[in-house]
């Protein structure tokens, strides 16, 4: 009988240790970020509607602000969209006077896209409203965490998609030990 108790105790401590180890692992990035991103997008929709711009329209205006003259193919590649699927968005933006499309002197079949002054103004107004809400959300973090989070977001968002999809490198470091909240423990 005593042997049974020892076995049960040993088994329960192993199960408990395993459960504690699982609890200490952080959640996947996508699992942590997806609810935040979904809520931020939902908060952006009324802002976009007030300015009569779709989410794709805002993405196009932002991309053209960064690259003032772009072909439709280059723009589609930059924003990760199929060039034929953004035609309706480009038509709407052009009809609203937010972008212009001119023949490319180097290739008459291609069109050069540019953001107009009205498009730049709308993009700036939309971005200002969106970022006011983001500032409210970021205020939930202490200043040092906020700065670190924004710095990390900039670095991660600059990674090429292929690098994210590549998976772990050979000889990758072991998973870091994390706190109960899912953050890596500070070095000792």
Protein backbone atom coordinates (compact mmCIF):
# COMPACT_ATOMS: atom_id res chain seq x y z
CA UNK A 1 0.00 0.00 0.00
CA UNK A 2 2.81 2.41 0.90
CA UNK A 3 4.38 1.78 -2.50
CA UNK A 4 1.13 2.85 -4.14
CA UNK A 5 1.15 6.14 -2.19
CA UNK A 6 4.78 6.79 -3.14
CA UNK A 7 3.98 6.07 -6.78
CA UNK A 8 0.90 8.35 -6.70
CA UNK A 9 2.88 11.11 -5.00
CA UNK A 10 5.71 10.82 -7.54
CA UNK A 11 3.26 10.83 -10.44
CA UNK A 12 1.35 13.83 -9.08
CA UNK A 13 4.56 15.85 -8.57
CA UNK A 14 5.63 15.10 -12.14
CA UNK A 15 2.23 16.14 -13.47
CA UNK A 16 2.30 19.31 -11.34
CA UNK A 17 5.86 20.12 -12.48
CA UNK A 18 4.84 19.63 -16.10
CA UNK A 19 1.77 21.82 -15.66
CA UNK A 20 3.87 24.54 -14.00
CA UNK A 21 6.38 24.37 -16.86
CA UNK A 22 3.57 24.76 -19.42
CA UNK A 23 2.14 27.66 -17.41
CA UNK A 24 5.52 29.42 -17.42
CA UNK A 25 5.87 29.30 -21.19
CA UNK A 26 4.74 32.43 -22.96
CA UNK A 27 1.86 32.36 -25.40
CA UNK A 28 2.57 32.47 -29.13
CA UNK A 29 3.12 35.95 -30.56
CA UNK A 30 0.19 35.64 -32.93
CA UNK A 31 -2.07 34.54 -30.07
CA UNK A 32 -1.01 37.56 -28.00
CA UNK A 33 -1.06 40.14 -30.80
CA UNK A 34 -4.12 39.02 -32.76
CA UNK A 35 -6.74 40.28 -30.25
CA UNK A 36 -4.95 43.63 -30.01
CA UNK A 37 -4.61 43.98 -33.78
CA UNK A 38 -8.24 42.95 -34.31
CA UNK A 39 -9.42 45.56 -31.78
CA UNK A 40 -7.19 48.26 -33.29
CA UNK A 41 -8.55 47.54 -36.76
CA UNK A 42 -12.10 47.64 -35.41
CA UNK A 43 -11.33 51.03 -33.84
CA UNK A 44 -9.95 52.27 -37.18
CA UNK A 45 -13.05 51.41 -39.23
CA UNK A 46 -15.21 54.34 -38.00
CA UNK A 47 -12.27 56.72 -38.55
CA UNK A 48 -11.88 55.48 -42.12
CA UNK A 49 -15.64 55.73 -42.72
CA UNK A 50 -15.69 59.35 -41.52
CA UNK A 51 -13.08 60.14 -44.16
CA UNK A 52 -14.75 57.97 -46.83
CA UNK A 53 -11.69 55.75 -47.22
CA UNK A 54 -11.49 51.96 -47.02
CA UNK A 55 -8.78 50.10 -45.12
CA UNK A 56 -7.12 49.23 -48.45
CA UNK A 57 -7.46 52.85 -49.54
CA UNK A 58 -5.63 53.97 -46.41
CA UNK A 59 -2.93 51.34 -47.00
CA UNK A 60 -2.48 52.61 -50.58
CA UNK A 61 -2.35 56.27 -49.49
CA UNK A 62 0.23 55.44 -46.82
CA UNK A 63 2.37 53.47 -49.27
CA UNK A 64 2.21 56.28 -51.84
CA UNK A 65 3.13 58.82 -49.15
CA UNK A 66 6.31 56.81 -48.54
CA UNK A 67 7.04 56.26 -52.27
CA UNK A 68 5.57 59.31 -54.05
CA UNK A 69 5.58 57.81 -57.54
CA UNK A 70 5.03 54.12 -57.98
CA UNK A 71 3.79 51.72 -60.62
CA UNK A 72 0.73 49.64 -59.82
CA UNK A 73 2.91 46.49 -59.76
CA UNK A 74 5.46 48.01 -57.38
CA UNK A 75 2.69 49.32 -55.13
CA UNK A 76 0.93 45.94 -55.05
CA UNK A 77 4.18 44.21 -54.11
CA UNK A 78 4.91 46.79 -51.41
CA UNK A 79 1.51 46.38 -49.73
CA UNK A 80 1.27 42.62 -50.27
CA UNK A 81 -1.73 42.71 -52.60
CA UNK A 82 -2.43 41.24 -56.01
CA UNK A 83 -2.10 44.05 -58.57
CA UNK A 84 -5.40 43.14 -60.24
CA UNK A 85 -7.31 43.14 -56.93
CA UNK A 86 -6.40 46.73 -56.03
CA UNK A 87 -7.75 48.20 -59.27
CA UNK A 88 -11.15 49.01 -57.73
CA UNK A 89 -9.44 50.67 -54.76
CA UNK A 90 -7.26 52.73 -57.11
CA UNK A 91 -10.34 53.67 -59.16
CA UNK A 92 -12.14 54.87 -56.01
CA UNK A 93 -9.12 56.85 -54.79
CA UNK A 94 -8.66 58.46 -58.19
CA UNK A 95 -12.37 59.33 -58.46
CA UNK A 96 -12.14 60.99 -55.03
CA UNK A 97 -9.11 63.00 -56.17
CA UNK A 98 -6.81 61.32 -53.63
CA UNK A 99 -4.40 59.78 -56.15
CA UNK A 100 -3.46 60.37 -59.76
CA UNK A 101 -2.54 57.81 -62.40
CA UNK A 102 -0.40 58.95 -65.30
CA UNK A 103 1.18 56.96 -68.14
CA UNK A 104 4.74 55.89 -67.36
CA UNK A 105 7.01 57.56 -69.96
CA UNK A 106 9.32 54.52 -69.81
CA UNK A 107 6.49 52.02 -70.38
CA UNK A 108 3.23 53.25 -71.91
CA UNK A 109 1.40 50.13 -70.68
CA UNK A 110 2.16 51.00 -67.05
CA UNK A 111 0.69 53.79 -64.94
CA UNK A 112 2.56 55.84 -62.35
CA UNK A 113 0.56 56.36 -59.18
CA UNK A 114 0.98 59.45 -57.04
CA UNK A 115 -0.76 60.74 -53.96
CA UNK A 116 -2.40 64.13 -54.50
CA UNK A 117 -2.30 66.97 -51.96
CA UNK A 118 -5.90 66.06 -51.03
CA UNK A 119 -4.85 62.42 -50.60
CA UNK A 120 -1.93 63.43 -48.38
CA UNK A 121 -4.27 65.57 -46.27
CA UNK A 122 -6.81 62.73 -45.85
CA UNK A 123 -4.07 60.22 -45.03
CA UNK A 124 -2.61 62.57 -42.41
CA UNK A 125 -6.04 63.22 -40.83
CA UNK A 126 -6.85 59.51 -40.70
CA UNK A 127 -3.43 58.68 -39.26
CA UNK A 128 -3.73 61.43 -36.63
CA UNK A 129 -7.10 60.08 -35.46
CA UNK A 130 -5.89 56.47 -35.45
CA UNK A 131 -2.77 57.36 -33.51
CA UNK A 132 -4.74 59.33 -30.91
CA UNK A 133 -6.54 56.11 -30.04
CA UNK A 134 -3.27 54.17 -30.12
CA UNK A 135 -1.76 56.68 -27.68
CA UNK A 136 -4.68 56.03 -25.34
CA UNK A 137 -4.05 52.29 -25.56
CA UNK A 138 -0.28 52.66 -25.17
CA UNK A 139 -0.84 54.77 -22.05
CA UNK A 140 -1.77 51.48 -20.35
CA UNK A 141 1.95 50.67 -20.35
CA UNK A 142 4.56 52.27 -18.11
CA UNK A 143 6.82 54.61 -20.15
CA UNK A 144 9.79 52.22 -20.32
CA UNK A 145 7.61 49.31 -21.49
CA UNK A 146 5.86 51.55 -24.00
CA UNK A 147 9.19 52.64 -25.49
CA UNK A 148 10.48 49.06 -25.59
CA UNK A 149 7.23 47.80 -27.14
CA UNK A 150 7.27 50.44 -29.90
CA UNK A 151 10.96 49.82 -30.59
CA UNK A 152 10.32 46.07 -30.85
CA UNK A 153 7.25 46.61 -33.07
CA UNK A 154 9.30 48.75 -35.46
CA UNK A 155 12.04 46.10 -35.67
CA UNK A 156 9.67 43.18 -36.10
CA UNK A 157 7.50 44.95 -38.67
CA UNK A 158 10.62 45.65 -40.74
CA UNK A 159 11.50 41.95 -41.00
CA UNK A 160 10.99 40.50 -44.46
CA UNK A 161 8.07 38.08 -44.54
CA UNK A 162 10.39 35.37 -45.84
CA UNK A 163 12.48 35.67 -42.69
CA UNK A 164 9.42 35.21 -40.48
CA UNK A 165 8.28 32.22 -42.53
CA UNK A 166 11.74 30.60 -42.53
CA UNK A 167 11.26 29.02 -39.11
CA UNK A 168 13.91 28.47 -36.48
CA UNK A 169 17.54 28.55 -37.56
CA UNK A 170 19.72 25.48 -37.09
CA UNK A 171 21.16 25.45 -33.62
CA UNK A 172 18.63 27.98 -32.38
CA UNK A 173 18.84 28.86 -28.73
CA UNK A 174 16.62 27.05 -26.27
CA UNK A 175 13.34 28.66 -25.35
CA UNK A 176 13.87 31.31 -22.69
CA UNK A 177 12.47 30.87 -19.21
CA UNK A 178 9.48 33.14 -18.79
CA UNK A 179 7.51 34.70 -15.98
CA UNK A 180 3.91 33.73 -15.21
CA UNK A 181 2.79 36.62 -17.44
CA UNK A 182 4.66 35.13 -20.41
CA UNK A 183 7.56 37.61 -20.48
CA UNK A 184 11.18 36.40 -20.72
CA UNK A 185 12.87 36.46 -17.33
CA UNK A 186 15.49 39.15 -16.87
CA UNK A 187 19.11 37.94 -17.10
CA UNK A 188 20.61 37.23 -13.67
